Amino acid sequence: MLRSLTGLFLALLLPVASAQGVSAVPQYQRGVQYQRITPARPLDRSNRRIAVIEVFSYACPHCYEFQTYAEQLRRGLPPNAYFVRLPAVFWAQWEPFARAFFTAEHFGVAGKANDALFDAIWVKHEQLGTLVQLASFYARYGIRPERFLAVARSARITAKIRHAERLEQQWGVNGTPAIVVDGAWRSGRVESYDQLLGVARYLVQRAEAERAQVAR
């Protein structure tokens, strides 16, 4: 079984009036729709922008369904934020996909191939569960399978996977898709992909507000 969106359909979205009384805004409850990460664990301390991280797996059907929303999130980010994907490995069957993702990043085709790989798995039902099969998929992007496999099996890629696993454990991520913002906030139980998108945008606003306060 695939571990998927945690607690889908468990939480309530309650509209309330804005402070100005102009429009209704969603109210998200800390400890339910989102969680504080204490202490904060930034993805990359050298990058001063706000990291908006989608924790995902190509093996997760909900991650496939969330891609349209993830793209909306990416396109709507403020200039001081950036979107990044980070693969999860909850079971051994998920590791080939994580290796393939980091290897595709190494060759500069991860973003270009993202939607196509999801479609190949969940729409076309291609057999892509092994690293060898995934190497054949990425050959469509001009990468020789033997080169792809050499990198995918390298100590460098293994280290990237283990680092991602440690971060995801520290963030408290136990399901996918999940959103982590600035290493300080993560999504929790939501009832729809729309709500997950809304929570992600809300957490970006919180991260911006916190940074502005610190800068004063």
C-alpha atoms as a PDB file:
ATOM      1  CA  MET A   1       0.000   0.000   0.000  1.00  0.00           C
ATOM      2  CA  LEU A   2       1.146   3.536  -0.707  1.00  0.00           C
ATOM      3  CA  ARG A   3       1.368   6.013   2.094  1.00  0.00           C
ATOM      4  CA  SER A   4      -0.539   9.002   0.823  1.00  0.00           C
ATOM      5  CA  LEU A   5      -2.050  12.334   1.818  1.00  0.00           C
ATOM      6  CA  THR A   6      -2.301  12.197   5.600  1.00  0.00           C
ATOM      7  CA  GLY A   7      -5.764  12.343   7.059  1.00  0.00           C
ATOM      8  CA  LEU A   8      -7.428  13.251   3.766  1.00  0.00           C
ATOM      9  CA  PHE A   9     -11.006  14.401   4.416  1.00  0.00           C
ATOM     10  CA  LEU A  10     -10.467  14.618   8.199  1.00  0.00           C
ATOM     11  CA  ALA A  11     -10.223  18.357   8.839  1.00  0.00           C
ATOM     12  CA  LEU A  12     -12.741  21.189   8.444  1.00  0.00           C
ATOM     13  CA  LEU A  13     -12.223  24.397   6.549  1.00  0.00           C
ATOM     14  CA  LEU A  14     -14.055  27.218   8.297  1.00  0.00           C
ATOM     15  CA  PRO A  15     -14.511  30.547   6.480  1.00  0.00           C
ATOM     16  CA  VAL A  16     -14.460  33.638   8.647  1.00  0.00           C
ATOM     17  CA  ALA A  17     -14.706  37.337   7.876  1.00  0.00           C
ATOM     18  CA  SER A  18     -11.481  39.216   7.350  1.00  0.00           C
ATOM     19  CA  ALA A  19     -10.445  41.921   9.772  1.00  0.00           C
ATOM     20  CA  GLN A  20     -11.607  44.527   7.276  1.00  0.00           C
ATOM     21  CA  GLY A  21     -14.881  42.728   6.704  1.00  0.00           C
ATOM     22  CA  VAL A  22     -14.319  42.854   2.944  1.00  0.00           C
ATOM     23  CA  SER A  23     -14.005  39.179   2.137  1.00  0.00           C
ATOM     24  CA  ALA A  24     -14.023  35.767   3.727  1.00  0.00           C
ATOM     25  CA  VAL A  25     -10.659  34.126   4.378  1.00  0.00           C
ATOM     26  CA  PRO A  26      -9.935  30.549   5.454  1.00  0.00           C
ATOM     27  CA  GLN A  27      -9.044  29.918   9.055  1.00  0.00           C
ATOM     28  CA  TYR A  28      -6.501  27.165   9.555  1.00  0.00           C
ATOM     29  CA  GLN A  29      -5.913  25.650  12.955  1.00  0.00           C
ATOM     30  CA  ARG A  30      -2.394  25.046  14.177  1.00  0.00           C
ATOM     31  CA  GLY A  31      -2.043  21.413  15.145  1.00  0.00           C
ATOM     32  CA  VAL A  32      -4.671  20.403  12.590  1.00  0.00           C
ATOM     33  CA  GLN A  33      -4.203  21.814   9.088  1.00  0.00           C
ATOM     34  CA  TYR A  34      -0.629  22.897   9.804  1.00  0.00           C
ATOM     35  CA  GLN A  35       2.150  22.286  12.306  1.00  0.00           C
ATOM     36  CA  ARG A  36       5.042  24.349  13.649  1.00  0.00           C
ATOM     37  CA  ILE A  37       8.458  22.713  13.262  1.00  0.00           C
ATOM     38  CA  THR A  38      10.558  23.330  16.368  1.00  0.00           C
ATOM     39  CA  PRO A  39      13.393  23.954  15.992  1.00  0.00           C
ATOM     40  CA  ALA A  40      13.192  25.069  12.379  1.00  0.00           C
ATOM     41  CA  ARG A  41      15.175  22.901   9.961  1.00  0.00           C
ATOM     42  CA  PRO A  42      15.874  24.903   6.793  1.00  0.00           C
ATOM     43  CA  LEU A  43      16.466  22.993   3.582  1.00  0.00           C
ATOM     44  CA  ASP A  44      19.411  25.170   2.575  1.00  0.00           C
ATOM     45  CA  ARG A  45      20.802  27.679   5.057  1.00  0.00           C
ATOM     46  CA  SER A  46      22.871  29.335   2.334  1.00  0.00           C
ATOM     47  CA  ASN A  47      19.753  30.346   0.376  1.00  0.00           C
ATOM     48  CA  ARG A  48      18.153  33.445   1.866  1.00  0.00           C
ATOM     49  CA  ARG A  49      14.815  32.956   0.124  1.00  0.00           C
ATOM     50  CA  ILE A  50      11.851  31.036   1.588  1.00  0.00           C
ATOM     51  CA  ALA A  51      11.917  27.411   0.490  1.00  0.00           C
ATOM     52  CA  VAL A  52       8.486  25.982  -0.326  1.00  0.00           C
ATOM     53  CA  ILE A  53       9.025  22.235  -0.441  1.00  0.00           C
ATOM     54  CA  GLU A  54       6.723  19.600  -1.871  1.00  0.00           C
ATOM     55  CA  VAL A  55       7.555  16.273  -0.250  1.00  0.00           C
ATOM     56  CA  PHE A  56       6.394  13.679  -2.753  1.00  0.00           C
ATOM     57  CA  SER A  57       6.944  10.377  -4.515  1.00  0.00           C
ATOM     58  CA  TYR A  58       6.268   9.274  -8.060  1.00  0.00           C
ATOM     59  CA  ALA A  59       4.898   6.116  -6.430  1.00  0.00           C
ATOM     60  CA  CYS A  60       2.133   8.130  -4.721  1.00  0.00           C
ATOM     61  CA  PRO A  61      -1.135   8.529  -6.679  1.00  0.00           C
ATOM     62  CA  HIS A  62      -2.143  11.533  -4.591  1.00  0.00           C
ATOM     63  CA  CYS A  63       1.108  13.252  -5.545  1.00  0.00           C
ATOM     64  CA  TYR A  64       0.177  12.722  -9.188  1.00  0.00           C
ATOM     65  CA  GLU A  65      -3.249  14.251  -8.559  1.00  0.00           C
ATOM     66  CA  PHE A  66      -1.686  17.187  -6.696  1.00  0.00           C
ATOM     67  CA  GLN A  67       0.644  18.245  -9.524  1.00  0.00           C
ATOM     68  CA  THR A  68      -1.781  20.781 -11.012  1.00  0.00           C
ATOM     69  CA  TYR A  69      -2.090  22.407  -7.595  1.00  0.00           C
ATOM     70  CA  ALA A  70       1.663  22.283  -7.039  1.00  0.00           C
ATOM     71  CA  GLU A  71       2.144  24.181 -10.278  1.00  0.00           C
ATOM     72  CA  GLN A  72      -0.363  26.822  -9.140  1.00  0.00           C
ATOM     73  CA  LEU A  73       1.585  27.128  -5.902  1.00  0.00           C
ATOM     74  CA  ARG A  74       4.913  27.472  -7.720  1.00  0.00           C
ATOM     75  CA  ARG A  75       3.619  30.105 -10.142  1.00  0.00           C
ATOM     76  CA  GLY A  76       2.028  32.175  -7.381  1.00  0.00           C
ATOM     77  CA  LEU A  77       5.018  32.417  -5.053  1.00  0.00           C
ATOM     78  CA  PRO A  78       6.358  35.851  -4.113  1.00  0.00           C
ATOM     79  CA  PRO A  79       9.822  36.875  -5.388  1.00  0.00           C
ATOM     80  CA  ASN A  80      11.464  36.016  -2.062  1.00  0.00           C
ATOM     81  CA  ALA A  81      10.327  32.370  -2.206  1.00  0.00           C
ATOM     82  CA  TYR A  82      11.168  29.405  -4.388  1.00  0.00           C
ATOM     83  CA  PHE A  83       9.566  26.003  -5.024  1.00  0.00           C
ATOM     84  CA  VAL A  84      11.442  22.737  -4.749  1.00  0.00           C
ATOM     85  CA  ARG A  85      10.528  19.058  -4.732  1.00  0.00           C
ATOM     86  CA  LEU A  86      12.012  16.571  -2.293  1.00  0.00           C
ATOM     87  CA  PRO A  87      11.346  12.840  -2.685  1.00  0.00           C
ATOM     88  CA  ALA A  88      10.227  10.692   0.226  1.00  0.00           C
ATOM     89  CA  VAL A  89      11.216   7.074   0.829  1.00  0.00           C
ATOM     90  CA  PHE A  90       8.663   5.529   3.170  1.00  0.00           C
ATOM     91  CA  TRP A  91       9.187   2.013   1.816  1.00  0.00           C
ATOM     92  CA  ALA A  92      11.928   0.224  -0.106  1.00  0.00           C
ATOM     93  CA  GLN A  93       9.763   0.288  -3.254  1.00  0.00           C
ATOM     94  CA  TRP A  94       9.947   4.089  -3.232  1.00  0.00           C
ATOM     95  CA  GLU A  95      13.750   4.316  -3.261  1.00  0.00           C
ATOM     96  CA  PRO A  96      14.223   3.805  -7.043  1.00  0.00           C
ATOM     97  CA  PHE A  97      11.989   6.823  -7.644  1.00  0.00           C
ATOM     98  CA  ALA A  98      14.021   8.954  -5.212  1.00  0.00           C
ATOM     99  CA  ARG A  99      17.260   7.842  -6.857  1.00  0.00           C
ATOM    100  CA  ALA A 100      15.820   8.606 -10.271  1.00  0.00           C
ATOM    101  CA  PHE A 101      14.689  12.071  -9.166  1.00  0.00           C
ATOM    102  CA  PHE A 102      18.074  13.095  -7.762  1.00  0.00           C
ATOM    103  CA  THR A 103      19.814  11.603 -10.798  1.00  0.00           C
ATOM    104  CA  ALA A 104      17.518  13.542 -13.123  1.00  0.00           C
ATOM    105  CA  GLU A 105      18.430  16.671 -11.142  1.00  0.00           C
ATOM    106  CA  HIS A 106      22.106  15.843 -11.679  1.00  0.00           C
ATOM    107  CA  PHE A 107      21.530  15.740 -15.440  1.00  0.00           C
ATOM    108  CA  GLY A 108      19.312  18.846 -15.404  1.00  0.00           C
ATOM    109  CA  VAL A 109      16.091  17.181 -16.575  1.00  0.00           C
ATOM    110  CA  ALA A 110      14.110  16.701 -13.340  1.00  0.00           C
ATOM    111  CA  GLY A 111      11.710  19.585 -13.941  1.00  0.00           C
ATOM    112  CA  LYS A 112      11.349  18.875 -17.636  1.00  0.00           C
ATOM    113  CA  ALA A 113      10.537  15.189 -17.040  1.00  0.00           C
ATOM    114  CA  ASN A 114       8.362  15.550 -13.927  1.00  0.00           C
ATOM    115  CA  ASP A 115       4.898  15.589 -15.491  1.00  0.00           C
ATOM    116  CA  ALA A 116       5.864  13.040 -18.142  1.00  0.00           C
ATOM    117  CA  LEU A 117       7.029  10.542 -15.524  1.00  0.00           C
ATOM    118  CA  PHE A 118       3.861  10.949 -13.481  1.00  0.00           C
ATOM    119  CA  ASP A 119       1.798  10.432 -16.650  1.00  0.00           C
ATOM    120  CA  ALA A 120       3.849   7.407 -17.678  1.00  0.00           C
ATOM    121  CA  ILE A 121       3.182   5.761 -14.307  1.00  0.00           C
ATOM    122  CA  TRP A 122      -0.403   6.777 -13.552  1.00  0.00           C
ATOM    123  CA  VAL A 123      -1.968   7.385 -16.985  1.00  0.00           C
ATOM    124  CA  LYS A 124      -0.070   5.145 -19.389  1.00  0.00           C
ATOM    125  CA  HIS A 125       0.630   2.493 -16.712  1.00  0.00           C
ATOM    126  CA  GLU A 126       4.168   1.872 -17.907  1.00  0.00           C
ATOM    127  CA  GLN A 127       6.249  -0.530 -15.838  1.00  0.00           C
ATOM    128  CA  LEU A 128       8.704   1.838 -14.172  1.00  0.00           C
ATOM    129  CA  GLY A 129       9.187   0.394 -10.708  1.00  0.00           C
ATOM    130  CA  THR A 130      12.885  -0.456 -10.988  1.00  0.00           C
ATOM    131  CA  LEU A 131      15.940   1.711 -11.473  1.00  0.00           C
ATOM    132  CA  VAL A 132      16.727  -0.019 -14.774  1.00  0.00           C
ATOM    133  CA  GLN A 133      13.234   0.702 -16.058  1.00  0.00           C
ATOM    134  CA  LEU A 134      13.515   4.315 -14.916  1.00  0.00           C
ATOM    135  CA  ALA A 135      16.862   4.633 -16.692  1.00  0.00           C
ATOM    136  CA  SER A 136      15.111   3.610 -19.898  1.00  0.00           C
ATOM    137  CA  PHE A 137      12.484   6.282 -19.298  1.00  0.00           C
ATOM    138  CA  TYR A 138      15.105   9.010 -18.868  1.00  0.00           C
ATOM    139  CA  ALA A 139      16.821   7.852 -22.068  1.00  0.00           C
ATOM    140  CA  ARG A 140      14.013   9.800 -23.759  1.00  0.00           C
ATOM    141  CA  TYR A 141      15.787  12.903 -22.473  1.00  0.00           C
ATOM    142  CA  GLY A 142      19.121  12.009 -24.041  1.00  0.00           C
ATOM    143  CA  ILE A 143      20.727  10.278 -21.051  1.00  0.00           C
ATOM    144  CA  ARG A 144      22.353   6.950 -21.844  1.00  0.00           C
ATOM    145  CA  PRO A 145      20.989   4.295 -19.438  1.00  0.00           C
ATOM    146  CA  GLU A 146      24.461   3.197 -18.359  1.00  0.00           C
ATOM    147  CA  ARG A 147      25.377   6.789 -17.434  1.00  0.00           C
ATOM    148  CA  PHE A 148      22.081   7.239 -15.623  1.00  0.00           C
ATOM    149  CA  LEU A 149      22.541   4.028 -13.618  1.00  0.00           C
ATOM    150  CA  ALA A 150      26.129   4.852 -12.687  1.00  0.00           C
ATOM    151  CA  VAL A 151      25.053   8.146 -11.142  1.00  0.00           C
ATOM    152  CA  ALA A 152      21.861   6.733  -9.611  1.00  0.00           C
ATOM    153  CA  ARG A 153      23.817   4.047  -7.765  1.00  0.00           C
ATOM    154  CA  SER A 154      26.570   6.376  -6.614  1.00  0.00           C
ATOM    155  CA  ALA A 155      27.421   7.283  -3.032  1.00  0.00           C
ATOM    156  CA  ARG A 156      26.545  10.899  -3.841  1.00  0.00           C
ATOM    157  CA  ILE A 157      22.927  10.046  -4.659  1.00  0.00           C
ATOM    158  CA  THR A 158      22.678   7.730  -1.642  1.00  0.00           C
ATOM    159  CA  ALA A 159      23.838  10.619   0.563  1.00  0.00           C
ATOM    160  CA  LYS A 160      21.180  12.903  -0.944  1.00  0.00           C
ATOM    161  CA  ILE A 161      18.469  10.337  -0.196  1.00  0.00           C
ATOM    162  CA  ARG A 162      19.597   9.859   3.396  1.00  0.00           C
ATOM    163  CA  HIS A 163      19.782  13.628   3.917  1.00  0.00           C
ATOM    164  CA  ALA A 164      16.234  14.014   2.579  1.00  0.00           C
ATOM    165  CA  GLU A 165      15.031  11.227   4.873  1.00  0.00           C
ATOM    166  CA  ARG A 166      16.595  12.907   7.919  1.00  0.00           C
ATOM    167  CA  LEU A 167      15.048  16.260   7.073  1.00  0.00           C
ATOM    168  CA  GLU A 168      11.613  14.759   6.473  1.00  0.00           C
ATOM    169  CA  GLN A 169      11.788  12.946   9.812  1.00  0.00           C
ATOM    170  CA  GLN A 170      12.814  16.165  11.577  1.00  0.00           C
ATOM    171  CA  TRP A 171       9.946  17.994   9.877  1.00  0.00           C
ATOM    172  CA  GLY A 172       7.516  15.297  11.027  1.00  0.00           C
ATOM    173  CA  VAL A 173       6.391  14.406   7.517  1.00  0.00           C
ATOM    174  CA  ASN A 174       4.596  11.047   7.505  1.00  0.00           C
ATOM    175  CA  GLY A 175       2.538  11.242   4.334  1.00  0.00           C
ATOM    176  CA  THR A 176       2.597  12.611   0.819  1.00  0.00           C
ATOM    177  CA  PRO A 177       2.042  15.053  -0.679  1.00  0.00           C
ATOM    178  CA  ALA A 178       3.129  17.381   2.101  1.00  0.00           C
ATOM    179  CA  ILE A 179       4.271  20.994   2.028  1.00  0.00           C
ATOM    180  CA  VAL A 180       7.076  22.354   4.200  1.00  0.00           C
ATOM    181  CA  VAL A 181       7.714  26.107   4.273  1.00  0.00           C
ATOM    182  CA  ASP A 182      11.011  27.666   5.352  1.00  0.00           C
ATOM    183  CA  GLY A 183      11.810  24.539   7.352  1.00  0.00           C
ATOM    184  CA  ALA A 184       9.544  26.006  10.034  1.00  0.00           C
ATOM    185  CA  TRP A 185       6.013  25.026   9.019  1.00  0.00           C
ATOM    186  CA  ARG A 186       4.422  21.980   7.450  1.00  0.00           C
ATOM    187  CA  SER A 187       0.995  21.022   6.246  1.00  0.00           C
ATOM    188  CA  GLY A 188      -1.123  18.737   8.406  1.00  0.00           C
ATOM    189  CA  ARG A 189      -4.519  17.087   8.000  1.00  0.00           C
ATOM    190  CA  VAL A 190      -6.533  18.524   5.150  1.00  0.00           C
ATOM    191  CA  GLU A 191      -9.748  17.593   3.405  1.00  0.00           C
ATOM    192  CA  SER A 192      -8.849  18.363  -0.212  1.00  0.00           C
ATOM    193  CA  TYR A 193      -6.039  19.348  -2.546  1.00  0.00           C
ATOM    194  CA  ASP A 194      -7.562  22.830  -2.710  1.00  0.00           C
ATOM    195  CA  GLN A 195      -7.172  23.089   1.032  1.00  0.00           C
ATOM    196  CA  LEU A 196      -3.594  21.845   0.912  1.00  0.00           C
ATOM    197  CA  LEU A 197      -2.859  24.563  -1.640  1.00  0.00           C
ATOM    198  CA  GLY A 198      -4.538  27.137   0.595  1.00  0.00           C
ATOM    199  CA  VAL A 199      -2.579  26.004   3.641  1.00  0.00           C
ATOM    200  CA  ALA A 200       0.667  26.204   1.668  1.00  0.00           C
ATOM    201  CA  ARG A 201      -0.067  29.776   0.596  1.00  0.00           C
ATOM    202  CA  TYR A 202      -1.023  30.682   4.158  1.00  0.00           C
ATOM    203  CA  LEU A 203       2.251  29.272   5.499  1.00  0.00           C
ATOM    204  CA  VAL A 204       4.232  31.271   2.958  1.00  0.00           C
ATOM    205  CA  GLN A 205       2.490  34.402   4.249  1.00  0.00           C
ATOM    206  CA  ARG A 206       3.331  33.420   7.832  1.00  0.00           C
ATOM    207  CA  ALA A 207       6.963  32.858   6.907  1.00  0.00           C
ATOM    208  CA  GLU A 208       7.098  36.256   5.191  1.00  0.00           C
ATOM    209  CA  ALA A 209       5.543  37.951   8.224  1.00  0.00           C
ATOM    210  CA  GLU A 210       7.984  36.296  10.622  1.00  0.00           C
ATOM    211  CA  ARG A 211      10.967  37.316   8.528  1.00  0.00           C
ATOM    212  CA  ALA A 212       9.702  40.891   8.330  1.00  0.00           C
ATOM    213  CA  GLN A 213       9.329  40.999  12.099  1.00  0.00           C
ATOM    214  CA  VAL A 214      12.845  39.711  12.665  1.00  0.00           C
ATOM    215  CA  ALA A 215      14.211  42.305  10.226  1.00  0.00           C
ATOM    216  CA  ARG A 216      12.743  45.228  12.184  1.00  0.00           C
END
